[in-house]
Amino acid sequence: MKLQVHSIHFNADSKLVEFIQKKVDKLETFYDRVVDGEVFLRINNEGVDNKTVEIKVKVPGSQLFAKEQAKSFEAATDLATEALRNQLKKYKEKS
């Protein structure tokens, strides 16, 4: 899947980008008509869970979105892809 990763106010490590790409690619096993995706990575200054991951996935006729916070980008990515997986399942049942 074509995926754009944007790290806001910092440079994301290539290993992190590869990790996110693999996680988001797995979403295609639940719905194979995903057009593309966009990921935003942010570091917040307050609290322990200060890493935010926002994932937008475009499917025909709609756009799905998940935003999660955690102690690490990897954990937040896991949570966000899990939320998108559930959304994709529901979307697939409707179409």
PDB file of N, CA and C in Angstrom:
ATOM      1  N   MET A   1       0.840  -1.179   0.000  1.00  0.00           N
ATOM      2  CA  MET A   1       0.000   0.000   0.000  1.00  0.00           C
ATOM      3  C   MET A   1       0.885   1.242   0.000  1.00  0.00           C
ATOM      4  N   LYS A   2       0.442   2.233  -0.744  1.00  0.00           N
ATOM      5  CA  LYS A   2       1.170   3.506  -0.762  1.00  0.00           C
ATOM      6  C   LYS A   2       0.881   4.225   0.548  1.00  0.00           C
ATOM      7  N   LEU A   3       1.949   4.524   1.284  1.00  0.00           N
ATOM      8  CA  LEU A   3       1.787   5.120   2.598  1.00  0.00           C
ATOM      9  C   LEU A   3       2.717   6.310   2.752  1.00  0.00           C
ATOM     10  N   GLN A   4       2.174   7.436   3.201  1.00  0.00           N
ATOM     11  CA  GLN A   4       2.988   8.613   3.493  1.00  0.00           C
ATOM     12  C   GLN A   4       3.109   8.731   5.006  1.00  0.00           C
ATOM     13  N   VAL A   5       4.331   8.866   5.491  1.00  0.00           N
ATOM     14  CA  VAL A   5       4.567   9.021   6.927  1.00  0.00           C
ATOM     15  C   VAL A   5       5.119  10.417   7.182  1.00  0.00           C
ATOM     16  N   HIS A   6       4.426  11.166   8.032  1.00  0.00           N
ATOM     17  CA  HIS A   6       4.841  12.530   8.385  1.00  0.00           C
ATOM     18  C   HIS A   6       5.206  12.563   9.862  1.00  0.00           C
ATOM     19  N   SER A   7       6.436  12.919  10.158  1.00  0.00           N
ATOM     20  CA  SER A   7       6.825  13.107  11.552  1.00  0.00           C
ATOM     21  C   SER A   7       6.868  14.612  11.812  1.00  0.00           C
ATOM     22  N   ILE A   8       6.066  15.043  12.777  1.00  0.00           N
ATOM     23  CA  ILE A   8       5.892  16.462  13.053  1.00  0.00           C
ATOM     24  C   ILE A   8       6.959  16.932  14.057  1.00  0.00           C
ATOM     25  N   HIS A   9       7.804  17.854  13.646  1.00  0.00           N
ATOM     26  CA  HIS A   9       8.852  18.478  14.472  1.00  0.00           C
ATOM     27  C   HIS A   9       9.953  17.526  14.926  1.00  0.00           C
ATOM     28  N   PHE A  10      10.143  16.435  14.220  1.00  0.00           N
ATOM     29  CA  PHE A  10      11.285  15.548  14.471  1.00  0.00           C
ATOM     30  C   PHE A  10      11.457  14.645  13.250  1.00  0.00           C
ATOM     31  N   ASN A  11      12.598  13.962  13.167  1.00  0.00           N
ATOM     32  CA  ASN A  11      12.850  13.048  12.062  1.00  0.00           C
ATOM     33  C   ASN A  11      12.647  11.615  12.539  1.00  0.00           C
ATOM     34  N   ALA A  12      11.761  10.904  11.863  1.00  0.00           N
ATOM     35  CA  ALA A  12      11.475   9.516  12.237  1.00  0.00           C
ATOM     36  C   ALA A  12      12.594   8.613  11.739  1.00  0.00           C
ATOM     37  N   ASP A  13      12.965   7.672  12.562  1.00  0.00           N
ATOM     38  CA  ASP A  13      13.970   6.668  12.218  1.00  0.00           C
ATOM     39  C   ASP A  13      13.422   5.768  11.111  1.00  0.00           C
ATOM     40  N   SER A  14      14.279   5.310  10.213  1.00  0.00           N
ATOM     41  CA  SER A  14      13.825   4.451   9.108  1.00  0.00           C
ATOM     42  C   SER A  14      13.239   3.138   9.618  1.00  0.00           C
ATOM     43  N   LYS A  15      13.746   2.634  10.750  1.00  0.00           N
ATOM     44  CA  LYS A  15      13.191   1.402  11.329  1.00  0.00           C
ATOM     45  C   LYS A  15      11.746   1.617  11.775  1.00  0.00           C
ATOM     46  N   LEU A  16      11.467   2.790  12.331  1.00  0.00           N
ATOM     47  CA  LEU A  16      10.103   3.116  12.751  1.00  0.00           C
ATOM     48  C   LEU A  16       9.175   3.196  11.548  1.00  0.00           C
ATOM     49  N   VAL A  17       9.633   3.840  10.486  1.00  0.00           N
ATOM     50  CA  VAL A  17       8.825   3.958   9.265  1.00  0.00           C
ATOM     51  C   VAL A  17       8.550   2.575   8.681  1.00  0.00           C
ATOM     52  N   GLU A  18       9.555   1.695   8.658  1.00  0.00           N
ATOM     53  CA  GLU A  18       9.366   0.326   8.157  1.00  0.00           C
ATOM     54  C   GLU A  18       8.373  -0.436   9.019  1.00  0.00           C
ATOM     55  N   PHE A  19       8.465  -0.269  10.343  1.00  0.00           N
ATOM     56  CA  PHE A  19       7.546  -0.926  11.270  1.00  0.00           C
ATOM     57  C   PHE A  19       6.107  -0.499  10.980  1.00  0.00           C
ATOM     58  N   ILE A  20       5.902   0.801  10.821  1.00  0.00           N
ATOM     59  CA  ILE A  20       4.564   1.331  10.544  1.00  0.00           C
ATOM     60  C   ILE A  20       4.052   0.814   9.209  1.00  0.00           C
ATOM     61  N   GLN A  21       4.925   0.798   8.198  1.00  0.00           N
ATOM     62  CA  GLN A  21       4.536   0.312   6.875  1.00  0.00           C
ATOM     63  C   GLN A  21       4.060  -1.138   6.950  1.00  0.00           C
ATOM     64  N   LYS A  22       4.804  -1.986   7.673  1.00  0.00           N
ATOM     65  CA  LYS A  22       4.420  -3.398   7.800  1.00  0.00           C
ATOM     66  C   LYS A  22       3.078  -3.543   8.497  1.00  0.00           C
ATOM     67  N   LYS A  23       2.875  -2.776   9.572  1.00  0.00           N
ATOM     68  CA  LYS A  23       1.618  -2.860  10.322  1.00  0.00           C
ATOM     69  C   LYS A  23       0.430  -2.430   9.465  1.00  0.00           C
ATOM     70  N   VAL A  24       0.593  -1.329   8.739  1.00  0.00           N
ATOM     71  CA  VAL A  24      -0.504  -0.813   7.922  1.00  0.00           C
ATOM     72  C   VAL A  24      -0.750  -1.733   6.721  1.00  0.00           C
ATOM     73  N   ASP A  25       0.310  -2.314   6.156  1.00  0.00           N
ATOM     74  CA  ASP A  25       0.146  -3.253   5.044  1.00  0.00           C
ATOM     75  C   ASP A  25      -0.713  -4.447   5.446  1.00  0.00           C
ATOM     76  N   LYS A  26      -0.622  -4.864   6.698  1.00  0.00           N
ATOM     77  CA  LYS A  26      -1.411  -6.010   7.165  1.00  0.00           C
ATOM     78  C   LYS A  26      -2.908  -5.726   7.130  1.00  0.00           C
ATOM     79  N   LEU A  27      -3.289  -4.456   7.129  1.00  0.00           N
ATOM     80  CA  LEU A  27      -4.711  -4.105   7.064  1.00  0.00           C
ATOM     81  C   LEU A  27      -5.337  -4.584   5.754  1.00  0.00           C
ATOM     82  N   GLU A  28      -4.514  -4.707   4.710  1.00  0.00           N
ATOM     83  CA  GLU A  28      -5.032  -5.136   3.411  1.00  0.00           C
ATOM     84  C   GLU A  28      -5.521  -6.579   3.430  1.00  0.00           C
ATOM     85  N   THR A  29      -5.133  -7.357   4.443  1.00  0.00           N
ATOM     86  CA  THR A  29      -5.648  -8.725   4.533  1.00  0.00           C
ATOM     87  C   THR A  29      -7.119  -8.728   4.937  1.00  0.00           C
ATOM     88  N   PHE A  30      -7.586  -7.638   5.553  1.00  0.00           N
ATOM     89  CA  PHE A  30      -8.979  -7.555   5.972  1.00  0.00           C
ATOM     90  C   PHE A  30      -9.861  -6.903   4.920  1.00  0.00           C
ATOM     91  N   TYR A  31      -9.273  -6.035   4.111  1.00  0.00           N
ATOM     92  CA  TYR A  31     -10.009  -5.377   3.036  1.00  0.00           C
ATOM     93  C   TYR A  31      -9.008  -5.026   1.944  1.00  0.00           C
ATOM     94  N   ASP A  32      -9.144  -5.671   0.800  1.00  0.00           N
ATOM     95  CA  ASP A  32      -8.108  -5.560  -0.236  1.00  0.00           C
ATOM     96  C   ASP A  32      -8.262  -4.352  -1.161  1.00  0.00           C
ATOM     97  N   ARG A  33      -9.246  -3.500  -0.926  1.00  0.00           N
ATOM     98  CA  ARG A  33      -9.442  -2.347  -1.813  1.00  0.00           C
ATOM     99  C   ARG A  33      -8.977  -1.036  -1.179  1.00  0.00           C
ATOM    100  N   VAL A  34      -8.062  -1.114  -0.224  1.00  0.00           N
ATOM    101  CA  VAL A  34      -7.511   0.095   0.395  1.00  0.00           C
ATOM    102  C   VAL A  34      -6.714   0.855  -0.662  1.00  0.00           C
ATOM    103  N   VAL A  35      -7.013   2.146  -0.809  1.00  0.00           N
ATOM    104  CA  VAL A  35      -6.373   2.963  -1.843  1.00  0.00           C
ATOM    105  C   VAL A  35      -4.979   3.397  -1.403  1.00  0.00           C
ATOM    106  N   ASP A  36      -4.911   4.125  -0.295  1.00  0.00           N
ATOM    107  CA  ASP A  36      -3.627   4.566   0.245  1.00  0.00           C
ATOM    108  C   ASP A  36      -3.800   4.995   1.691  1.00  0.00           C
ATOM    109  N   GLY A  37      -2.703   5.404   2.305  1.00  0.00           N
ATOM    110  CA  GLY A  37      -2.757   5.784   3.711  1.00  0.00           C
ATOM    111  C   GLY A  37      -1.811   6.917   4.022  1.00  0.00           C
ATOM    112  N   GLU A  38      -2.071   7.537   5.169  1.00  0.00           N
ATOM    113  CA  GLU A  38      -1.247   8.648   5.623  1.00  0.00           C
ATOM    114  C   GLU A  38      -1.100   8.528   7.141  1.00  0.00           C
ATOM    115  N   VAL A  39       0.132   8.708   7.620  1.00  0.00           N
ATOM    116  CA  VAL A  39       0.413   8.570   9.052  1.00  0.00           C
ATOM    117  C   VAL A  39       1.068   9.855   9.557  1.00  0.00           C
ATOM    118  N   PHE A  40       0.593  10.332  10.697  1.00  0.00           N
ATOM    119  CA  PHE A  40       1.183  11.497  11.346  1.00  0.00           C
ATOM    120  C   PHE A  40       1.723  11.075  12.703  1.00  0.00           C
ATOM    121  N   LEU A  41       2.991  11.382  12.962  1.00  0.00           N
ATOM    122  CA  LEU A  41       3.634  11.061  14.233  1.00  0.00           C
ATOM    123  C   LEU A  41       3.907  12.363  14.978  1.00  0.00           C
ATOM    124  N   ARG A  42       3.489  12.419  16.239  1.00  0.00           N
ATOM    125  CA  ARG A  42       3.708  13.623  17.045  1.00  0.00           C
ATOM    126  C   ARG A  42       4.227  13.236  18.419  1.00  0.00           C
ATOM    127  N   ILE A  43       5.069  14.109  18.982  1.00  0.00           N
ATOM    128  CA  ILE A  43       5.520  13.957  20.357  1.00  0.00           C
ATOM    129  C   ILE A  43       4.893  15.086  21.160  1.00  0.00           C
ATOM    130  N   ASN A  44       4.113  14.713  22.175  1.00  0.00           N
ATOM    131  CA  ASN A  44       3.486  15.705  23.055  1.00  0.00           C
ATOM    132  C   ASN A  44       4.396  15.932  24.255  1.00  0.00           C
ATOM    133  N   ASN A  45       4.338  17.099  24.831  1.00  0.00           N
ATOM    134  CA  ASN A  45       5.235  17.430  25.931  1.00  0.00           C
ATOM    135  C   ASN A  45       4.739  16.993  27.307  1.00  0.00           C
ATOM    136  N   GLU A  46       3.435  16.729  27.432  1.00  0.00           N
ATOM    137  CA  GLU A  46       2.917  16.413  28.757  1.00  0.00           C
ATOM    138  C   GLU A  46       2.578  14.922  28.880  1.00  0.00           C
ATOM    139  N   GLY A  47       2.803  14.368  30.077  1.00  0.00           N
ATOM    140  CA  GLY A  47       2.388  12.996  30.373  1.00  0.00           C
ATOM    141  C   GLY A  47       3.382  11.934  29.935  1.00  0.00           C
ATOM    142  N   VAL A  48       3.113  10.723  30.420  1.00  0.00           N
ATOM    143  CA  VAL A  48       3.964   9.573  30.103  1.00  0.00           C
ATOM    144  C   VAL A  48       3.664   9.073  28.693  1.00  0.00           C
ATOM    145  N   ASP A  49       2.373   8.959  28.373  1.00  0.00           N
ATOM    146  CA  ASP A  49       1.967   8.506  27.034  1.00  0.00           C
ATOM    147  C   ASP A  49       2.016   9.692  26.086  1.00  0.00           C
ATOM    148  N   ASN A  50       3.231  10.088  25.697  1.00  0.00           N
ATOM    149  CA  ASN A  50       3.392  11.325  24.943  1.00  0.00           C
ATOM    150  C   ASN A  50       3.636  11.124  23.451  1.00  0.00           C
ATOM    151  N   LYS A  51       3.509   9.912  22.951  1.00  0.00           N
ATOM    152  CA  LYS A  51       3.673   9.655  21.518  1.00  0.00           C
ATOM    153  C   LYS A  51       2.291   9.447  20.896  1.00  0.00           C
ATOM    154  N   THR A  52       1.979  10.232  19.882  1.00  0.00           N
ATOM    155  CA  THR A  52       0.685  10.143  19.213  1.00  0.00           C
ATOM    156  C   THR A  52       0.869   9.683  17.777  1.00  0.00           C
ATOM    157  N   VAL A  53       0.050   8.723  17.375  1.00  0.00           N
ATOM    158  CA  VAL A  53       0.041   8.227  15.999  1.00  0.00           C
ATOM    159  C   VAL A  53      -1.368   8.413  15.452  1.00  0.00           C
ATOM    160  N   GLU A  54      -1.468   9.078  14.307  1.00  0.00           N
ATOM    161  CA  GLU A  54      -2.744   9.239  13.613  1.00  0.00           C
ATOM    162  C   GLU A  54      -2.600   8.552  12.259  1.00  0.00           C
ATOM    163  N   ILE A  55      -3.545   7.678  11.952  1.00  0.00           N
ATOM    164  CA  ILE A  55      -3.502   6.964  10.676  1.00  0.00           C
ATOM    165  C   ILE A  55      -4.813   7.202   9.934  1.00  0.00           C
ATOM    166  N   LYS A  56      -4.683   7.678   8.684  1.00  0.00           N
ATOM    167  CA  LYS A  56      -5.829   7.843   7.787  1.00  0.00           C
ATOM    168  C   LYS A  56      -5.680   6.814   6.675  1.00  0.00           C
ATOM    169  N   VAL A  57      -6.739   6.078   6.409  1.00  0.00           N
ATOM    170  CA  VAL A  57      -6.719   5.086   5.336  1.00  0.00           C
ATOM    171  C   VAL A  57      -7.882   5.387   4.397  1.00  0.00           C
ATOM    172  N   LYS A  58      -7.578   5.521   3.118  1.00  0.00           N
ATOM    173  CA  LYS A  58      -8.620   5.793   2.131  1.00  0.00           C
ATOM    174  C   LYS A  58      -9.082   4.481   1.505  1.00  0.00           C
ATOM    175  N   VAL A  59     -10.399   4.323   1.493  1.00  0.00           N
ATOM    176  CA  VAL A  59     -11.039   3.195   0.814  1.00  0.00           C
ATOM    177  C   VAL A  59     -12.040   3.792  -0.162  1.00  0.00           C
ATOM    178  N   PRO A  60     -12.476   3.045  -1.165  1.00  0.00           N
ATOM    179  CA  PRO A  60     -13.406   3.614  -2.149  1.00  0.00           C
ATOM    180  C   PRO A  60     -14.643   4.223  -1.484  1.00  0.00           C
ATOM    181  N   GLY A  61     -14.825   5.525  -1.668  1.00  0.00           N
ATOM    182  CA  GLY A  61     -16.006   6.207  -1.162  1.00  0.00           C
ATOM    183  C   GLY A  61     -15.939   6.636   0.293  1.00  0.00           C
ATOM    184  N   SER A  62     -14.821   6.401   0.964  1.00  0.00           N
ATOM    185  CA  SER A  62     -14.757   6.759   2.374  1.00  0.00           C
ATOM    186  C   SER A  62     -13.307   6.909   2.835  1.00  0.00           C
ATOM    187  N   GLN A  63     -13.161   7.388   4.061  1.00  0.00           N
ATOM    188  CA  GLN A  63     -11.843   7.518   4.674  1.00  0.00           C
ATOM    189  C   GLN A  63     -11.973   7.086   6.130  1.00  0.00           C
ATOM    190  N   LEU A  64     -11.103   6.201   6.565  1.00  0.00           N
ATOM    191  CA  LEU A  64     -11.122   5.723   7.940  1.00  0.00           C
ATOM    192  C   LEU A  64      -9.975   6.369   8.700  1.00  0.00           C
ATOM    193  N   PHE A  65     -10.180   6.593  10.001  1.00  0.00           N
ATOM    194  CA  PHE A  65      -9.199   7.337  10.792  1.00  0.00           C
ATOM    195  C   PHE A  65      -9.078   6.744  12.186  1.00  0.00           C
ATOM    196  N   ALA A  66      -7.838   6.679  12.677  1.00  0.00           N
ATOM    197  CA  ALA A  66      -7.600   6.256  14.054  1.00  0.00           C
ATOM    198  C   ALA A  66      -6.481   7.104  14.640  1.00  0.00           C
ATOM    199  N   LYS A  67      -6.660   7.481  15.909  1.00  0.00           N
ATOM    200  CA  LYS A  67      -5.646   8.274  16.608  1.00  0.00           C
ATOM    201  C   LYS A  67      -5.431   7.639  17.973  1.00  0.00           C
ATOM    202  N   GLU A  68      -4.186   7.321  18.278  1.00  0.00           N
ATOM    203  CA  GLU A  68      -3.869   6.671  19.550  1.00  0.00           C
ATOM    204  C   GLU A  68      -2.630   7.290  20.176  1.00  0.00           C
ATOM    205  N   GLN A  69      -2.569   7.246  21.514  1.00  0.00           N
ATOM    206  CA  GLN A  69      -1.407   7.718  22.265  1.00  0.00           C
ATOM    207  C   GLN A  69      -0.860   6.574  23.102  1.00  0.00           C
ATOM    208  N   ALA A  70       0.461   6.528  23.235  1.00  0.00           N
ATOM    209  CA  ALA A  70       1.104   5.497  24.046  1.00  0.00           C
ATOM    210  C   ALA A  70       2.500   5.968  24.441  1.00  0.00           C
ATOM    211  N   LYS A  71       3.219   5.111  25.160  1.00  0.00           N
ATOM    212  CA  LYS A  71       4.579   5.446  25.598  1.00  0.00           C
ATOM    213  C   LYS A  71       5.565   5.416  24.445  1.00  0.00           C
ATOM    214  N   SER A  72       5.252   4.618  23.410  1.00  0.00           N
ATOM    215  CA  SER A  72       6.139   4.540  22.249  1.00  0.00           C
ATOM    216  C   SER A  72       5.308   4.610  20.971  1.00  0.00           C
ATOM    217  N   PHE A  73       5.967   4.971  19.877  1.00  0.00           N
ATOM    218  CA  PHE A  73       5.265   5.012  18.596  1.00  0.00           C
ATOM    219  C   PHE A  73       4.815   3.618  18.176  1.00  0.00           C
ATOM    220  N   GLU A  74       5.619   2.605  18.506  1.00  0.00           N
ATOM    221  CA  GLU A  74       5.262   1.228  18.140  1.00  0.00           C
ATOM    222  C   GLU A  74       3.965   0.807  18.827  1.00  0.00           C
ATOM    223  N   ALA A  75       3.857   1.096  20.122  1.00  0.00           N
ATOM    224  CA  ALA A  75       2.640   0.732  20.861  1.00  0.00           C
ATOM    225  C   ALA A  75       1.429   1.499  20.336  1.00  0.00           C
ATOM    226  N   ALA A  76       1.612   2.775  20.057  1.00  0.00           N
ATOM    227  CA  ALA A  76       0.513   3.587  19.526  1.00  0.00           C
ATOM    228  C   ALA A  76       0.101   3.094  18.140  1.00  0.00           C
ATOM    229  N   THR A  77       1.080   2.676  17.336  1.00  0.00           N
ATOM    230  CA  THR A  77       0.785   2.132  16.009  1.00  0.00           C
ATOM    231  C   THR A  77      -0.019   0.846  16.130  1.00  0.00           C
ATOM    232  N   ASP A  78       0.365  -0.019  17.070  1.00  0.00           N
ATOM    233  CA  ASP A  78      -0.395  -1.258  17.296  1.00  0.00           C
ATOM    234  C   ASP A  78      -1.850  -0.948  17.625  1.00  0.00           C
ATOM    235  N   LEU A  79      -2.069   0.006  18.527  1.00  0.00           N
ATOM    236  CA  LEU A  79      -3.430   0.363  18.928  1.00  0.00           C
ATOM    237  C   LEU A  79      -4.223   0.955  17.765  1.00  0.00           C
ATOM    238  N   ALA A  80      -3.584   1.830  17.001  1.00  0.00           N
ATOM    239  CA  ALA A  80      -4.268   2.491  15.883  1.00  0.00           C
ATOM    240  C   ALA A  80      -4.604   1.502  14.768  1.00  0.00           C
ATOM    241  N   THR A  81      -3.678   0.591  14.452  1.00  0.00           N
ATOM    242  CA  THR A  81      -3.967  -0.388  13.395  1.00  0.00           C
ATOM    243  C   THR A  81      -5.046  -1.361  13.846  1.00  0.00           C
ATOM    244  N   GLU A  82      -5.087  -1.670  15.138  1.00  0.00           N
ATOM    245  CA  GLU A  82      -6.158  -2.523  15.672  1.00  0.00           C
ATOM    246  C   GLU A  82      -7.517  -1.840  15.505  1.00  0.00           C
ATOM    247  N   ALA A  83      -7.577  -0.547  15.809  1.00  0.00           N
ATOM    248  CA  ALA A  83      -8.816   0.211  15.645  1.00  0.00           C
ATOM    249  C   ALA A  83      -9.227   0.268  14.174  1.00  0.00           C
ATOM    250  N   LEU A  84      -8.259   0.466  13.284  1.00  0.00           N
ATOM    251  CA  LEU A  84      -8.562   0.501  11.851  1.00  0.00           C
ATOM    252  C   LEU A  84      -8.997  -0.865  11.341  1.00  0.00           C
ATOM    253  N   ARG A  85      -8.420  -1.904  11.884  1.00  0.00           N
ATOM    254  CA  ARG A  85      -8.819  -3.260  11.481  1.00  0.00           C
ATOM    255  C   ARG A  85     -10.305  -3.466  11.777  1.00  0.00           C
ATOM    256  N   ASN A  86     -10.749  -3.045  12.957  1.00  0.00           N
ATOM    257  CA  ASN A  86     -12.167  -3.161  13.310  1.00  0.00           C
ATOM    258  C   ASN A  86     -13.031  -2.307  12.388  1.00  0.00           C
ATOM    259  N   GLN A  87     -12.571  -1.098  12.075  1.00  0.00           N
ATOM    260  CA  GLN A  87     -13.322  -0.229  11.169  1.00  0.00           C
ATOM    261  C   GLN A  87     -13.422  -0.841   9.775  1.00  0.00           C
ATOM    262  N   LEU A  88     -12.318  -1.423   9.303  1.00  0.00           N
ATOM    263  CA  LEU A  88     -12.324  -2.042   7.972  1.00  0.00           C
ATOM    264  C   LEU A  88     -13.285  -3.227   7.915  1.00  0.00           C
ATOM    265  N   LYS A  89     -13.336  -4.011   8.966  1.00  0.00           N
ATOM    266  CA  LYS A  89     -14.263  -5.158   9.019  1.00  0.00           C
ATOM    267  C   LYS A  89     -15.700  -4.670   8.915  1.00  0.00           C
ATOM    268  N   LYS A  90     -16.038  -3.611   9.675  1.00  0.00           N
ATOM    269  CA  LYS A  90     -17.385  -3.055   9.628  1.00  0.00           C
ATOM    270  C   LYS A  90     -17.685  -2.475   8.256  1.00  0.00           C
ATOM    271  N   TYR A  91     -16.710  -1.759   7.687  1.00  0.00           N
ATOM    272  CA  TYR A  91     -16.880  -1.159   6.366  1.00  0.00           C
ATOM    273  C   TYR A  91     -17.121  -2.236   5.311  1.00  0.00           C
ATOM    274  N   LYS A  92     -16.382  -3.332   5.417  1.00  0.00           N
ATOM    275  CA  LYS A  92     -16.506  -4.429   4.448  1.00  0.00           C
ATOM    276  C   LYS A  92     -17.871  -5.076   4.530  1.00  0.00           C
ATOM    277  N   GLU A  93     -18.397  -5.217   5.753  1.00  0.00           N
ATOM    278  CA  GLU A  93     -19.734  -5.808   5.935  1.00  0.00           C
ATOM    279  C   GLU A  93     -20.807  -4.937   5.302  1.00  0.00           C
ATOM    280  N   LYS A  94     -20.631  -3.600   5.364  1.00  0.00           N
ATOM    281  CA  LYS A  94     -21.610  -2.679   4.799  1.00  0.00           C
ATOM    282  C   LYS A  94     -21.614  -2.686   3.281  1.00  0.00           C
ATOM    283  N   SER A  95     -20.404  -2.830   2.693  1.00  0.00           N
ATOM    284  CA  SER A  95     -20.312  -2.713   1.222  1.00  0.00           C
ATOM    285  C   SER A  95     -20.620  -4.013   0.523  1.00  0.00           C
TER     286      SER A  95
END
